[in-house]
Amino acid sequence: RVHGSTVWAGVDFPRSKSPGRTLETLIARHAAHAMLLHTPAAGWGEPAVKRVPCYQVGGPYTKDTPVSLGACSLPTEIKRMVGHLASKGHRRILIPTEGLGEPMRLAVIKGLAEGAGGKPEAGTWEDHVPDFPESTPEAWDRYWQKSFDTLRPTAAIVFEDTHLLSLYGYCFTRGIRIPDKLSVMSLNYENRFEWLAPRPTMMRYPAHLAIAHFQQWVDGGLKPSGCRFFELEMIHGGSVAASPG
């Protein structure tokens, strides 16, 4: 806002099949001179930077695109989280995804395999990263049921606040005690979840570092500044314990 007016435009990234056309419409509608993409789906970064100066917060990117991006490294952070769980004996670790797209799902699988090491007890590591495509409470309850029946996880890693609430609700109604029967970690930090019992172990994004990187992009004339990956801070709670076996 220091440099002019700003507009927040909501976009359903997974459902929008024509990023270029959608971007053209948004740019024309708001007479935009620059753009900030917040965790876009695959295929959005390249057409965005071809049209206006663009800064991307999270999400996938193409290496040969002149990108300005601030994010965490998904495979690195998943590897850290899985390593923390593996150190407590967990091998059946469930990591459901929703609308991440195949490149980011593969990054999650890579982090899981490297963090756990060796082979899974059953199936493949891909089986531990199912896609939950429908974003409704009823659908996620069915997804949890199917995944628990087939994988019998002792730990789970979730990405969003809604995913965490869904999992806590599922465990409560099924009599699955956290962390006695299931350890839970969240890649997303929400201050209000400090009130949950047990308090979940969450990963917190270093907002002050990310804002400084974005400000450098603005001060540098909105020119491509490359990628900057920030390490997340692990905020320990009471949702992780030794594997029940």
Protein backbone atom coordinates (compact mmCIF):
# COMPACT_ATOMS: atom_id res chain seq x y z
CA ARG A 1 0.00 0.00 0.00
CA VAL A 2 2.99 2.30 0.44
CA HIS A 3 3.37 2.32 -3.34
CA GLY A 4 -0.32 2.43 -4.27
CA SER A 5 -3.60 0.62 -3.83
CA THR A 6 -3.76 -3.14 -3.25
CA VAL A 7 -6.53 -5.64 -3.95
CA TRP A 8 -6.97 -9.15 -2.56
CA ALA A 9 -8.49 -11.47 -5.18
CA GLY A 10 -9.59 -14.98 -4.25
CA VAL A 11 -8.76 -17.70 -6.78
CA ASP A 12 -9.63 -21.39 -6.61
CA PHE A 13 -6.28 -22.60 -7.94
CA PRO A 14 -7.05 -26.34 -8.26
CA ARG A 15 -10.33 -25.72 -10.11
CA SER A 16 -9.07 -23.00 -12.46
CA LYS A 17 -7.79 -24.83 -15.55
CA SER A 18 -6.63 -21.76 -17.52
CA PRO A 19 -4.14 -19.78 -15.38
CA GLY A 20 -3.17 -17.45 -18.23
CA ARG A 21 -6.75 -16.46 -18.98
CA THR A 22 -7.59 -16.01 -15.29
CA LEU A 23 -4.49 -13.86 -14.76
CA GLU A 24 -5.32 -11.71 -17.80
CA THR A 25 -8.80 -11.12 -16.40
CA LEU A 26 -7.53 -10.21 -12.92
CA ILE A 27 -4.82 -7.90 -14.24
CA ALA A 28 -7.25 -6.09 -16.53
CA ARG A 29 -9.97 -5.84 -13.90
CA HIS A 30 -7.70 -4.29 -11.28
CA ALA A 31 -5.20 -2.52 -13.61
CA ALA A 32 -2.47 -4.37 -11.73
CA HIS A 33 1.18 -3.36 -12.09
CA ALA A 34 2.48 -6.19 -9.88
CA MET A 35 1.19 -9.34 -8.25
CA LEU A 36 1.71 -11.49 -5.18
CA LEU A 37 0.76 -15.15 -5.62
CA HIS A 38 -0.07 -16.85 -2.33
CA THR A 39 0.62 -20.62 -2.40
CA PRO A 40 -0.52 -21.10 -6.01
CA ALA A 41 -1.03 -24.46 -7.66
CA ALA A 42 1.38 -25.79 -10.28
CA GLY A 43 1.35 -23.92 -13.57
CA TRP A 44 0.61 -20.44 -12.20
CA GLY A 45 4.06 -18.98 -11.54
CA GLU A 46 5.37 -18.98 -15.13
CA PRO A 47 2.37 -17.24 -16.80
CA ALA A 48 2.23 -14.72 -13.94
CA VAL A 49 5.83 -13.49 -14.29
CA LYS A 50 5.38 -13.17 -18.06
CA ARG A 51 2.65 -10.59 -17.51
CA VAL A 52 3.61 -8.45 -14.49
CA PRO A 53 6.35 -8.43 -11.83
CA CYS A 54 5.38 -11.20 -9.44
CA TYR A 55 6.37 -12.39 -5.98
CA GLN A 56 5.33 -15.90 -4.97
CA VAL A 57 4.70 -17.04 -1.40
CA GLY A 58 5.04 -20.82 -1.32
CA GLY A 59 3.79 -23.25 -3.91
CA PRO A 60 5.61 -25.01 -6.78
CA TYR A 61 7.80 -23.20 -9.28
CA THR A 62 9.70 -23.93 -12.49
CA LYS A 63 13.47 -23.72 -12.16
CA ASP A 64 14.02 -21.89 -15.45
CA THR A 65 11.39 -19.24 -14.60
CA PRO A 66 12.80 -15.89 -13.33
CA VAL A 67 10.96 -16.25 -10.03
CA SER A 68 10.91 -14.24 -6.81
CA LEU A 69 9.84 -16.69 -4.15
CA GLY A 70 9.85 -17.00 -0.39
CA ALA A 71 8.88 -20.39 1.01
CA CYS A 72 9.89 -23.39 3.04
CA SER A 73 11.36 -26.44 1.33
CA LEU A 74 8.54 -28.97 1.51
CA PRO A 75 10.65 -32.15 1.19
CA THR A 76 13.15 -30.79 3.73
CA GLU A 77 10.49 -29.91 6.31
CA ILE A 78 8.59 -33.18 5.82
CA LYS A 79 11.89 -35.03 6.23
CA ARG A 80 12.51 -33.20 9.53
CA MET A 81 9.02 -33.95 10.82
CA VAL A 82 9.14 -37.60 9.76
CA GLY A 83 12.61 -37.91 11.29
CA HIS A 84 11.23 -36.58 14.58
CA LEU A 85 8.45 -39.18 14.50
CA ALA A 86 10.80 -41.96 13.38
CA SER A 87 13.07 -41.22 16.35
CA LYS A 88 10.10 -42.24 18.51
CA GLY A 89 9.59 -45.49 16.64
CA HIS A 90 6.90 -44.47 14.16
CA ARG A 91 6.91 -46.20 10.76
CA ARG A 92 3.26 -46.07 9.69
CA ILE A 93 3.01 -42.31 9.14
CA LEU A 94 -0.05 -40.98 7.29
CA ILE A 95 0.32 -37.67 5.37
CA PRO A 96 -2.92 -36.86 3.51
CA THR A 97 -2.86 -34.12 0.87
CA GLU A 98 -5.61 -32.00 -0.65
CA GLY A 99 -5.22 -30.26 -3.99
CA LEU A 100 -1.42 -29.96 -3.80
CA GLY A 101 -0.86 -31.22 -7.31
CA GLU A 102 1.42 -34.05 -8.35
CA PRO A 103 4.78 -32.17 -8.16
CA MET A 104 4.22 -31.17 -4.53
CA ARG A 105 2.80 -34.57 -3.62
CA LEU A 106 5.97 -36.15 -4.99
CA ALA A 107 7.98 -33.71 -2.85
CA VAL A 108 6.06 -34.91 0.21
CA ILE A 109 6.72 -38.56 -0.68
CA LYS A 110 10.42 -37.76 -1.13
CA GLY A 111 10.60 -36.14 2.31
CA LEU A 112 8.74 -39.07 3.89
CA ALA A 113 11.01 -41.69 2.33
CA GLU A 114 14.20 -39.85 3.29
CA GLY A 115 13.00 -39.07 6.82
CA ALA A 116 11.83 -42.60 7.56
CA GLY A 117 14.63 -44.42 5.75
CA GLY A 118 14.38 -47.94 4.44
CA LYS A 119 11.16 -49.51 3.25
CA PRO A 120 7.67 -49.13 4.75
CA GLU A 121 6.17 -51.97 6.75
CA ALA A 122 3.59 -52.55 4.01
CA GLY A 123 2.92 -51.19 0.54
CA THR A 124 4.86 -48.17 -0.70
CA TRP A 125 5.57 -44.72 0.67
CA GLU A 126 3.13 -43.41 -1.95
CA ASP A 127 0.39 -45.32 -0.11
CA HIS A 128 1.17 -43.24 2.99
CA VAL A 129 0.44 -39.99 1.11
CA PRO A 130 -3.16 -40.37 -0.13
CA ASP A 131 -4.97 -37.54 -1.90
CA PHE A 132 -8.15 -36.41 -0.15
CA PRO A 133 -9.75 -34.46 -3.05
CA GLU A 134 -13.09 -33.36 -1.58
CA SER A 135 -12.90 -30.52 0.93
CA THR A 136 -15.95 -31.22 3.11
CA PRO A 137 -16.12 -32.48 6.72
CA GLU A 138 -18.17 -35.53 5.77
CA ALA A 139 -15.81 -36.54 2.99
CA TRP A 140 -12.72 -36.19 5.19
CA ASP A 141 -14.34 -38.33 7.86
CA ARG A 142 -14.76 -41.10 5.26
CA TYR A 143 -11.17 -40.59 4.05
CA TRP A 144 -9.81 -40.95 7.58
CA GLN A 145 -11.83 -44.14 8.07
CA LYS A 146 -10.50 -45.70 4.86
CA SER A 147 -6.90 -44.70 5.57
CA PHE A 148 -6.97 -45.93 9.16
CA ASP A 149 -8.50 -49.24 8.09
CA THR A 150 -5.84 -49.88 5.44
CA LEU A 151 -2.68 -48.27 6.86
CA ARG A 152 -3.29 -48.50 10.64
CA PRO A 153 -1.10 -45.39 11.22
CA THR A 154 0.60 -44.63 14.49
CA ALA A 155 1.29 -41.03 13.43
CA ALA A 156 -0.13 -38.42 11.07
CA ILE A 157 1.11 -35.15 9.59
CA VAL A 158 -1.46 -32.62 8.38
CA PHE A 159 -1.11 -29.43 6.31
CA GLU A 160 -4.06 -27.16 7.14
CA ASP A 161 -6.00 -26.05 10.21
CA THR A 162 -9.15 -27.73 8.84
CA HIS A 163 -7.23 -30.99 8.42
CA LEU A 164 -6.08 -30.85 12.04
CA LEU A 165 -9.59 -30.16 13.34
CA SER A 166 -10.97 -32.98 11.19
CA LEU A 167 -8.38 -35.43 12.53
CA TYR A 168 -8.91 -34.43 16.18
CA GLY A 169 -12.66 -34.84 15.69
CA TYR A 170 -12.26 -38.22 14.02
CA CYS A 171 -10.01 -39.49 16.80
CA PHE A 172 -12.38 -38.20 19.51
CA THR A 173 -15.45 -39.93 18.03
CA ARG A 174 -13.54 -43.19 17.45
CA GLY A 175 -11.89 -43.33 20.86
CA ILE A 176 -8.37 -42.93 19.45
CA ARG A 177 -6.36 -41.18 22.13
CA ILE A 178 -3.76 -38.58 21.04
CA PRO A 179 -0.83 -39.21 21.51
CA ASP A 180 -1.24 -42.65 23.17
CA LYS A 181 -2.60 -44.30 20.02
CA LEU A 182 -1.77 -41.67 17.40
CA SER A 183 0.88 -38.96 17.30
CA VAL A 184 -0.06 -35.82 15.37
CA MET A 185 2.01 -33.01 13.83
CA SER A 186 0.88 -30.01 11.78
CA LEU A 187 2.87 -28.23 9.09
CA ASN A 188 0.74 -25.15 9.79
CA TYR A 189 0.98 -23.08 12.99
CA GLU A 190 -2.18 -21.52 14.39
CA ASN A 191 -1.98 -19.63 17.66
CA ARG A 192 -5.53 -20.60 18.67
CA PHE A 193 -4.58 -24.27 18.53
CA GLU A 194 -2.50 -23.68 21.65
CA TRP A 195 -5.89 -24.13 23.36
CA LEU A 196 -6.39 -27.67 22.04
CA ALA A 197 -5.85 -30.62 24.35
CA PRO A 198 -3.42 -32.12 23.75
CA ARG A 199 -1.70 -29.09 22.27
CA PRO A 200 -0.47 -30.13 18.81
CA THR A 201 3.17 -30.02 17.77
CA MET A 202 3.21 -27.44 14.96
CA MET A 203 5.72 -25.95 12.53
CA ARG A 204 5.86 -22.13 12.55
CA TYR A 205 6.89 -20.11 9.48
CA PRO A 206 9.44 -17.34 10.27
CA ALA A 207 7.18 -14.47 9.17
CA HIS A 208 9.70 -11.74 10.03
CA LEU A 209 12.31 -13.23 7.70
CA ALA A 210 9.77 -13.77 4.93
CA ILE A 211 8.51 -10.19 5.17
CA ALA A 212 12.08 -8.86 5.01
CA HIS A 213 12.71 -10.90 1.84
CA PHE A 214 9.53 -9.57 0.25
CA GLN A 215 10.48 -6.01 1.21
CA GLN A 216 13.86 -6.47 -0.48
CA TRP A 217 12.02 -7.43 -3.67
CA VAL A 218 9.90 -4.28 -3.47
CA ASP A 219 12.89 -2.04 -2.67
CA GLY A 220 14.85 -3.63 -5.51
CA GLY A 221 12.35 -2.46 -8.09
CA LEU A 222 10.27 -5.68 -8.31
CA LYS A 223 13.03 -7.46 -10.23
CA PRO A 224 13.45 -11.27 -10.03
CA SER A 225 15.25 -12.05 -6.77
CA GLY A 226 15.39 -15.85 -6.91
CA CYS A 227 14.27 -18.32 -4.25
CA ARG A 228 14.71 -18.03 -0.51
CA PHE A 229 13.86 -21.05 1.63
CA PHE A 230 13.21 -20.57 5.33
CA GLU A 231 13.53 -23.26 7.99
CA LEU A 232 10.38 -23.73 10.04
CA GLU A 233 10.42 -23.58 13.83
CA MET A 234 9.12 -26.71 15.52
CA ILE A 235 6.75 -25.71 18.33
CA HIS A 236 6.51 -28.77 20.56
CA GLY A 237 3.20 -29.71 22.12
CA GLY A 238 1.70 -32.77 23.72
CA SER A 239 0.52 -34.56 20.58
CA VAL A 240 3.64 -36.67 19.94
CA ALA A 241 4.71 -39.74 21.89
CA ALA A 242 6.50 -43.03 21.33
CA SER A 243 4.90 -45.38 18.85
CA PRO A 244 2.44 -47.81 20.48
CA GLY A 245 3.86 -50.50 18.19
